[in-house]
């Protein structure tokens, strides 16, 4: 296994541990649902690119979001 592969294999657990360490302090100040909503809003804002056309009709995206959140 090359050093690059080893680094890529260890990167997710290290980032998760770091995120949980910072998240513990955040949960002392904010409620868990609010923290989760903030996290999804930030990721959604980062991933939203209005210049890229969405080929899936919006009504099907909304249906998927409603059922996905319910699960």
C-alpha atoms as a PDB file:
ATOM      1  CA  UNK A   1       0.000   0.000   0.000  1.00  0.00           C
ATOM      2  CA  UNK A   2       1.460   3.328  -1.012  1.00  0.00           C
ATOM      3  CA  UNK A   3       1.734   6.219   1.461  1.00  0.00           C
ATOM      4  CA  UNK A   4      -0.901   8.124  -0.507  1.00  0.00           C
ATOM      5  CA  UNK A   5      -3.381   5.234  -0.223  1.00  0.00           C
ATOM      6  CA  UNK A   6      -2.682   4.921   3.490  1.00  0.00           C
ATOM      7  CA  UNK A   7      -3.245   8.656   3.940  1.00  0.00           C
ATOM      8  CA  UNK A   8      -6.542   8.507   2.010  1.00  0.00           C
ATOM      9  CA  UNK A   9      -7.659   5.506   4.076  1.00  0.00           C
ATOM     10  CA  UNK A  10      -6.932   7.263   7.374  1.00  0.00           C
ATOM     11  CA  UNK A  11      -8.308  10.667   6.408  1.00  0.00           C
ATOM     12  CA  UNK A  12     -12.067  10.016   6.982  1.00  0.00           C
ATOM     13  CA  UNK A  13     -11.712   8.636  10.548  1.00  0.00           C
ATOM     14  CA  UNK A  14      -9.386  11.492  11.467  1.00  0.00           C
ATOM     15  CA  UNK A  15     -11.800  14.088  10.087  1.00  0.00           C
ATOM     16  CA  UNK A  16     -14.772  12.417  11.797  1.00  0.00           C
ATOM     17  CA  UNK A  17     -12.963  12.394  15.140  1.00  0.00           C
ATOM     18  CA  UNK A  18     -12.040  16.052  14.736  1.00  0.00           C
ATOM     19  CA  UNK A  19     -15.622  16.926  13.800  1.00  0.00           C
ATOM     20  CA  UNK A  20     -17.027  15.088  16.813  1.00  0.00           C
ATOM     21  CA  UNK A  21     -14.536  16.813  19.104  1.00  0.00           C
ATOM     22  CA  UNK A  22     -15.629  20.255  17.899  1.00  0.00           C
ATOM     23  CA  UNK A  23     -19.267  19.179  17.747  1.00  0.00           C
ATOM     24  CA  UNK A  24     -19.328  18.258  21.411  1.00  0.00           C
ATOM     25  CA  UNK A  25     -18.713  21.861  22.424  1.00  0.00           C
ATOM     26  CA  UNK A  26     -21.261  23.152  19.927  1.00  0.00           C
ATOM     27  CA  UNK A  27     -23.975  20.890  21.338  1.00  0.00           C
ATOM     28  CA  UNK A  28     -23.527  22.513  24.734  1.00  0.00           C
ATOM     29  CA  UNK A  29     -24.745  25.811  23.242  1.00  0.00           C
ATOM     30  CA  UNK A  30     -27.181  24.734  20.509  1.00  0.00           C
ATOM     31  CA  UNK A  31     -29.853  22.053  20.317  1.00  0.00           C
ATOM     32  CA  UNK A  32     -28.983  18.952  18.256  1.00  0.00           C
ATOM     33  CA  UNK A  33     -31.729  19.494  15.653  1.00  0.00           C
ATOM     34  CA  UNK A  34     -30.677  23.106  15.140  1.00  0.00           C
ATOM     35  CA  UNK A  35     -27.049  22.011  14.751  1.00  0.00           C
ATOM     36  CA  UNK A  36     -28.058  19.381  12.185  1.00  0.00           C
ATOM     37  CA  UNK A  37     -30.156  21.926  10.290  1.00  0.00           C
ATOM     38  CA  UNK A  38     -27.231  24.363  10.232  1.00  0.00           C
ATOM     39  CA  UNK A  39     -24.935  21.623   8.942  1.00  0.00           C
ATOM     40  CA  UNK A  40     -27.291  20.694   6.102  1.00  0.00           C
ATOM     41  CA  UNK A  41     -27.869  24.360   5.231  1.00  0.00           C
ATOM     42  CA  UNK A  42     -24.135  25.033   5.000  1.00  0.00           C
ATOM     43  CA  UNK A  43     -23.495  21.936   2.869  1.00  0.00           C
ATOM     44  CA  UNK A  44     -26.497  22.773   0.673  1.00  0.00           C
ATOM     45  CA  UNK A  45     -25.242  26.309   0.140  1.00  0.00           C
ATOM     46  CA  UNK A  46     -21.803  25.018  -0.793  1.00  0.00           C
ATOM     47  CA  UNK A  47     -23.124  22.376  -3.206  1.00  0.00           C
ATOM     48  CA  UNK A  48     -25.759  24.602  -4.847  1.00  0.00           C
ATOM     49  CA  UNK A  49     -24.611  25.785  -8.279  1.00  0.00           C
ATOM     50  CA  UNK A  50     -27.393  27.694 -10.081  1.00  0.00           C
ATOM     51  CA  UNK A  51     -25.506  27.604 -13.395  1.00  0.00           C
ATOM     52  CA  UNK A  52     -25.684  23.816 -13.632  1.00  0.00           C
ATOM     53  CA  UNK A  53     -29.055  22.758 -15.023  1.00  0.00           C
ATOM     54  CA  UNK A  54     -31.062  20.215 -13.065  1.00  0.00           C
ATOM     55  CA  UNK A  55     -32.420  17.558 -15.395  1.00  0.00           C
ATOM     56  CA  UNK A  56     -34.734  15.999 -12.836  1.00  0.00           C
ATOM     57  CA  UNK A  57     -38.104  17.772 -12.543  1.00  0.00           C
ATOM     58  CA  UNK A  58     -38.385  19.786  -9.332  1.00  0.00           C
ATOM     59  CA  UNK A  59     -41.550  18.024  -8.194  1.00  0.00           C
ATOM     60  CA  UNK A  60     -39.704  14.667  -8.100  1.00  0.00           C
ATOM     61  CA  UNK A  61     -36.827  16.234  -6.202  1.00  0.00           C
ATOM     62  CA  UNK A  62     -39.273  17.610  -3.625  1.00  0.00           C
ATOM     63  CA  UNK A  63     -40.996  14.224  -3.288  1.00  0.00           C
ATOM     64  CA  UNK A  64     -37.617  12.545  -2.734  1.00  0.00           C
ATOM     65  CA  UNK A  65     -36.641  15.165  -0.145  1.00  0.00           C
ATOM     66  CA  UNK A  66     -39.888  14.756   1.788  1.00  0.00           C
ATOM     67  CA  UNK A  67     -39.638  10.969   1.933  1.00  0.00           C
ATOM     68  CA  UNK A  68     -35.880  11.060   2.542  1.00  0.00           C
ATOM     69  CA  UNK A  69     -36.275  13.383   5.526  1.00  0.00           C
ATOM     70  CA  UNK A  70     -39.078  11.237   6.875  1.00  0.00           C
ATOM     71  CA  UNK A  71     -36.888   8.155   6.912  1.00  0.00           C
END
